[in-house]
């Protein structure tokens, strides 16, 4: 895997804990076991853009008031959606 920051080919997939502000701005939640990329050469740990978009869409489509303060990534993505897709996204 190639690091998007330093172009090193030593980057590896990992799982990290992240903190995410909810779309309504009322609070942030902890997302555990978040798929991430870790680069040993430059030290960067990040999520790929497609995953960030997927999370943002999911948070727009579920009832975030029901979310606990901490949730594993797989459980977050399995939350029942109120809408089938994000109609606010252009």
C-alpha atoms as a PDB file:
ATOM      1  CA  UNK A   1       0.000   0.000   0.000  1.00  0.00           C
ATOM      2  CA  UNK A   2       1.274   3.469  -0.855  1.00  0.00           C
ATOM      3  CA  UNK A   3       1.183   6.350   1.640  1.00  0.00           C
ATOM      4  CA  UNK A   4      -0.711   9.343   0.255  1.00  0.00           C
ATOM      5  CA  UNK A   5       1.519  11.714   2.256  1.00  0.00           C
ATOM      6  CA  UNK A   6       5.054  10.555   1.501  1.00  0.00           C
ATOM      7  CA  UNK A   7       4.519   7.997  -1.306  1.00  0.00           C
ATOM      8  CA  UNK A   8       6.249   5.290   0.718  1.00  0.00           C
ATOM      9  CA  UNK A   9       5.300   1.755  -0.238  1.00  0.00           C
ATOM     10  CA  UNK A  10       5.582   0.609   3.394  1.00  0.00           C
ATOM     11  CA  UNK A  11       2.160   1.894   4.509  1.00  0.00           C
ATOM     12  CA  UNK A  12      -0.114  -0.731   6.038  1.00  0.00           C
ATOM     13  CA  UNK A  13      -3.813  -1.064   6.736  1.00  0.00           C
ATOM     14  CA  UNK A  14      -4.639  -0.726  10.416  1.00  0.00           C
ATOM     15  CA  UNK A  15      -7.538  -0.106  12.778  1.00  0.00           C
ATOM     16  CA  UNK A  16      -7.536   3.013  14.950  1.00  0.00           C
ATOM     17  CA  UNK A  17      -9.817   4.951  17.260  1.00  0.00           C
ATOM     18  CA  UNK A  18     -11.098   8.235  15.822  1.00  0.00           C
ATOM     19  CA  UNK A  19     -13.325  11.044  17.048  1.00  0.00           C
ATOM     20  CA  UNK A  20     -16.016  12.401  14.754  1.00  0.00           C
ATOM     21  CA  UNK A  21     -18.236  15.448  15.114  1.00  0.00           C
ATOM     22  CA  UNK A  22     -21.858  14.696  14.296  1.00  0.00           C
ATOM     23  CA  UNK A  23     -23.392  16.615  11.366  1.00  0.00           C
ATOM     24  CA  UNK A  24     -25.656  18.657  13.661  1.00  0.00           C
ATOM     25  CA  UNK A  25     -22.643  19.735  15.732  1.00  0.00           C
ATOM     26  CA  UNK A  26     -24.179  18.680  19.043  1.00  0.00           C
ATOM     27  CA  UNK A  27     -21.360  16.352  20.061  1.00  0.00           C
ATOM     28  CA  UNK A  28     -18.538  14.151  18.914  1.00  0.00           C
ATOM     29  CA  UNK A  29     -18.452  10.366  19.085  1.00  0.00           C
ATOM     30  CA  UNK A  30     -15.592   7.915  19.407  1.00  0.00           C
ATOM     31  CA  UNK A  31     -15.398   5.428  16.537  1.00  0.00           C
ATOM     32  CA  UNK A  32     -13.292   2.404  17.434  1.00  0.00           C
ATOM     33  CA  UNK A  33     -11.770  -0.147  15.058  1.00  0.00           C
ATOM     34  CA  UNK A  34     -11.819   2.438  12.248  1.00  0.00           C
ATOM     35  CA  UNK A  35     -10.096   1.194   9.074  1.00  0.00           C
ATOM     36  CA  UNK A  36      -7.016   3.370   8.664  1.00  0.00           C
ATOM     37  CA  UNK A  37      -3.672   3.584   6.941  1.00  0.00           C
ATOM     38  CA  UNK A  38      -0.477   3.812   8.989  1.00  0.00           C
ATOM     39  CA  UNK A  39       2.869   4.756   7.462  1.00  0.00           C
ATOM     40  CA  UNK A  40       5.991   3.826   9.427  1.00  0.00           C
ATOM     41  CA  UNK A  41       8.169   6.102   7.282  1.00  0.00           C
ATOM     42  CA  UNK A  42       6.436   9.467   7.822  1.00  0.00           C
ATOM     43  CA  UNK A  43       4.361   8.513  10.879  1.00  0.00           C
ATOM     44  CA  UNK A  44       1.031   9.533   9.360  1.00  0.00           C
ATOM     45  CA  UNK A  45      -2.143   7.689  10.317  1.00  0.00           C
ATOM     46  CA  UNK A  46      -5.200   8.541   8.241  1.00  0.00           C
ATOM     47  CA  UNK A  47      -8.427   7.354   6.634  1.00  0.00           C
ATOM     48  CA  UNK A  48      -8.804   7.246   2.868  1.00  0.00           C
ATOM     49  CA  UNK A  49     -11.138   9.843   1.348  1.00  0.00           C
ATOM     50  CA  UNK A  50     -13.697   7.273   0.151  1.00  0.00           C
ATOM     51  CA  UNK A  51     -14.110   5.981   3.718  1.00  0.00           C
ATOM     52  CA  UNK A  52     -14.515   9.513   5.070  1.00  0.00           C
ATOM     53  CA  UNK A  53     -17.309  10.140   2.550  1.00  0.00           C
ATOM     54  CA  UNK A  54     -18.957   6.841   3.486  1.00  0.00           C
ATOM     55  CA  UNK A  55     -18.950   7.784   7.184  1.00  0.00           C
ATOM     56  CA  UNK A  56     -20.244  11.305   6.496  1.00  0.00           C
ATOM     57  CA  UNK A  57     -23.074   9.877   4.392  1.00  0.00           C
ATOM     58  CA  UNK A  58     -23.978   7.334   7.064  1.00  0.00           C
ATOM     59  CA  UNK A  59     -24.091  10.000   9.760  1.00  0.00           C
ATOM     60  CA  UNK A  60     -26.449  12.079   7.600  1.00  0.00           C
ATOM     61  CA  UNK A  61     -28.769   9.101   7.061  1.00  0.00           C
ATOM     62  CA  UNK A  62     -29.163   7.662  10.564  1.00  0.00           C
ATOM     63  CA  UNK A  63     -30.703   8.890  13.804  1.00  0.00           C
ATOM     64  CA  UNK A  64     -27.519  10.106  15.496  1.00  0.00           C
ATOM     65  CA  UNK A  65     -29.385  10.820  18.744  1.00  0.00           C
ATOM     66  CA  UNK A  66     -29.465   7.052  19.322  1.00  0.00           C
ATOM     67  CA  UNK A  67     -25.685   6.638  18.988  1.00  0.00           C
ATOM     68  CA  UNK A  68     -23.667   5.909  22.108  1.00  0.00           C
ATOM     69  CA  UNK A  69     -20.595   8.049  22.867  1.00  0.00           C
ATOM     70  CA  UNK A  70     -18.372   5.217  21.612  1.00  0.00           C
ATOM     71  CA  UNK A  71     -19.185   2.774  18.810  1.00  0.00           C
ATOM     72  CA  UNK A  72     -17.179   0.306  16.699  1.00  0.00           C
ATOM     73  CA  UNK A  73     -16.970   1.227  13.010  1.00  0.00           C
ATOM     74  CA  UNK A  74     -18.846  -1.914  11.903  1.00  0.00           C
ATOM     75  CA  UNK A  75     -21.763  -1.141  14.249  1.00  0.00           C
ATOM     76  CA  UNK A  76     -21.908   2.474  13.072  1.00  0.00           C
ATOM     77  CA  UNK A  77     -22.128   1.389   9.458  1.00  0.00           C
ATOM     78  CA  UNK A  78     -24.810  -1.210  10.333  1.00  0.00           C
ATOM     79  CA  UNK A  79     -27.156   1.380  11.895  1.00  0.00           C
ATOM     80  CA  UNK A  80     -30.559   1.462  10.165  1.00  0.00           C
ATOM     81  CA  UNK A  81     -30.894   4.347   7.730  1.00  0.00           C
ATOM     82  CA  UNK A  82     -33.804   6.773   7.711  1.00  0.00           C
ATOM     83  CA  UNK A  83     -33.216   7.402   3.984  1.00  0.00           C
ATOM     84  CA  UNK A  84     -31.687   5.133   1.349  1.00  0.00           C
ATOM     85  CA  UNK A  85     -29.182   7.720   0.142  1.00  0.00           C
ATOM     86  CA  UNK A  86     -27.893  11.198   0.941  1.00  0.00           C
ATOM     87  CA  UNK A  87     -30.085  13.511  -1.133  1.00  0.00           C
ATOM     88  CA  UNK A  88     -28.142  16.535   0.174  1.00  0.00           C
ATOM     89  CA  UNK A  89     -24.969  15.450  -1.593  1.00  0.00           C
ATOM     90  CA  UNK A  90     -24.340  16.944  -5.008  1.00  0.00           C
END
